[in-house]
Protein backbone atom coordinates (compact mmCIF):
# COMPACT_ATOMS: atom_id res chain seq x y z
CA UNK A 1 74.73 84.03 106.05
CA UNK A 2 73.46 81.86 103.25
CA UNK A 3 75.61 79.19 101.73
CA UNK A 4 74.93 80.52 98.25
CA UNK A 5 76.91 83.75 98.84
CA UNK A 6 80.35 83.66 97.55
CA UNK A 7 82.84 85.95 99.10
CA UNK A 8 85.09 87.72 96.59
CA UNK A 9 88.75 87.78 97.60
CA UNK A 10 90.29 91.20 98.09
CA UNK A 11 92.70 92.00 95.30
CA UNK A 12 95.02 94.95 95.28
CA UNK A 13 94.60 97.42 92.48
CA UNK A 14 98.29 97.85 91.89
CA UNK A 15 100.46 95.30 90.07
CA UNK A 16 102.27 93.36 92.84
CA UNK A 17 105.42 92.92 90.75
CA UNK A 18 105.89 96.68 90.53
CA UNK A 19 105.04 97.23 94.13
CA UNK A 20 107.60 94.79 95.06
CA UNK A 21 110.20 96.39 92.79
CA UNK A 22 109.53 99.83 94.45
CA UNK A 23 109.76 98.24 97.88
CA UNK A 24 113.10 96.75 97.06
CA UNK A 25 114.49 100.18 96.09
CA UNK A 26 115.13 100.39 99.80
CA UNK A 27 118.57 99.00 100.45
CA UNK A 28 117.51 97.56 103.83
CA UNK A 29 114.86 95.28 102.11
CA UNK A 30 116.22 92.16 100.65
CA UNK A 31 113.07 89.90 100.50
CA UNK A 32 109.43 90.85 100.51
CA UNK A 33 106.95 88.47 102.07
CA UNK A 34 103.68 88.03 100.07
CA UNK A 35 101.55 89.08 103.05
CA UNK A 36 103.54 92.21 103.41
CA UNK A 37 103.29 92.95 99.74
CA UNK A 38 99.54 92.52 99.90
CA UNK A 39 99.23 94.83 102.82
CA UNK A 40 101.41 97.53 101.35
CA UNK A 41 99.43 97.36 98.13
CA UNK A 42 96.07 97.60 99.88
CA UNK A 43 97.40 100.42 102.18
CA UNK A 44 98.64 102.37 99.19
CA UNK A 45 95.31 102.00 97.50
CA UNK A 46 93.41 103.19 100.50
CA UNK A 47 95.85 106.07 101.09
CA UNK A 48 95.66 107.34 97.44
CA UNK A 49 91.79 107.11 97.48
CA UNK A 50 91.84 109.20 100.62
CA UNK A 51 94.12 111.84 99.04
CA UNK A 52 92.10 111.88 95.87
CA UNK A 53 88.79 112.27 97.69
CA UNK A 54 90.10 115.04 99.93
CA UNK A 55 91.73 116.81 97.05
CA UNK A 56 88.54 116.62 95.06
CA UNK A 57 86.65 118.09 98.02
CA UNK A 58 88.99 121.01 97.99
CA UNK A 59 88.62 121.56 94.22
CA UNK A 60 84.90 121.47 94.58
CA UNK A 61 85.06 124.01 97.37
CA UNK A 62 87.06 126.31 95.09
CA UNK A 63 84.51 125.61 92.28
CA UNK A 64 87.01 123.96 90.02
CA UNK A 65 86.59 120.87 88.04
CA UNK A 66 90.28 119.80 87.83
CA UNK A 67 92.25 118.81 90.87
CA UNK A 68 95.58 120.64 90.92
CA UNK A 69 98.68 120.65 93.02
CA UNK A 70 97.42 123.49 95.11
CA UNK A 71 94.26 121.45 95.94
CA UNK A 72 96.33 118.55 96.99
CA UNK A 73 98.55 120.67 99.24
CA UNK A 74 95.52 122.19 100.85
CA UNK A 75 94.05 118.66 101.48
CA UNK A 76 97.33 117.47 103.00
CA UNK A 77 97.49 120.60 105.23
CA UNK A 78 94.04 119.94 106.55
CA UNK A 79 94.82 116.43 107.66
CA UNK A 80 97.48 116.58 110.44
CA UNK A 81 98.70 113.00 110.27
CA UNK A 82 99.27 113.28 106.51
CA UNK A 83 100.71 116.73 106.77
CA UNK A 84 103.45 115.61 109.21
CA UNK A 85 105.13 113.33 106.61
CA UNK A 86 103.89 114.27 103.16
CA UNK A 87 103.81 118.11 103.08
CA UNK A 88 107.58 118.40 102.80
CA UNK A 89 107.70 115.93 99.91
CA UNK A 90 105.15 117.82 97.75
CA UNK A 91 106.65 120.30 95.25
CA UNK A 92 106.14 123.97 96.16
CA UNK A 93 103.88 125.72 93.78
CA UNK A 94 106.15 128.50 92.54
CA UNK A 95 105.15 131.28 90.14
CA UNK A 96 107.64 130.19 87.41
CA UNK A 97 105.88 126.89 86.94
CA UNK A 98 102.51 128.50 86.95
CA UNK A 99 103.44 131.05 84.32
CA UNK A 100 104.90 128.19 82.17
CA UNK A 101 101.79 126.17 82.51
CA UNK A 102 99.64 129.14 81.28
CA UNK A 103 101.93 129.69 78.29
CA UNK A 104 101.60 126.05 77.04
CA UNK A 105 100.88 126.04 73.33
CA UNK A 106 98.51 123.71 71.53
CA UNK A 107 101.52 122.05 69.97
CA UNK A 108 102.74 121.05 73.43
CA UNK A 109 99.39 119.74 74.41
CA UNK A 110 99.26 117.39 71.43
CA UNK A 111 102.49 115.67 72.43
CA UNK A 112 102.16 112.26 74.02
CA UNK A 113 102.73 112.34 77.81
CA UNK A 114 105.95 110.24 77.46
CA UNK A 115 107.44 112.97 75.15
CA UNK A 116 106.69 115.89 77.63
CA UNK A 117 109.49 116.91 79.82
CA UNK A 118 108.90 116.30 83.59
CA UNK A 119 108.59 119.32 85.83
CA UNK A 120 111.72 120.61 87.53
CA UNK A 121 112.57 118.60 90.67
CA UNK A 122 110.46 115.54 89.70
CA UNK A 123 110.95 112.23 87.97
CA UNK A 124 108.61 110.31 85.78
CA UNK A 125 107.14 107.19 87.38
CA UNK A 126 108.38 105.05 84.50
CA UNK A 127 111.93 105.92 85.57
CA UNK A 128 111.45 103.29 88.37
CA UNK A 129 110.45 100.57 86.01
CA UNK A 130 113.12 100.89 83.32
CA UNK A 131 115.51 98.18 82.79
CA UNK A 132 119.11 99.18 83.26
CA UNK A 133 119.97 98.36 79.55
CA UNK A 134 117.25 100.70 78.31
CA UNK A 135 118.90 103.89 79.55
CA UNK A 136 120.35 106.26 76.99
CA UNK A 137 124.17 106.84 77.17
CA UNK A 138 125.21 110.15 78.79
């Protein structure tokens, strides 16, 4: 190895502050070590890349250009280790949501993502990052 070569440090793709905040949602976790935070961030990145690649392969097999929930479910089912813990957490593709998605109007498509309602049984990711004072009164 030449002395000229500089080794780039591995940097996680996800913001460490947000990953730490998500980890601390578990009541059993009080403090998060920087090494543990780094490993969880890198592991999450690798896992999501794996899921995206497998889901894209399924979409290509079905001659589709867009990866959908059905493709993700198929990819998870094909990988036993992932299927054991993740399949139950994925929403079931029911016919009511499919018919609703087919009847979406151009007006709904033009709305910003933040203004669109989340599908039934799901929460938006920004729900985890809201400050307690920003929530609307019920």
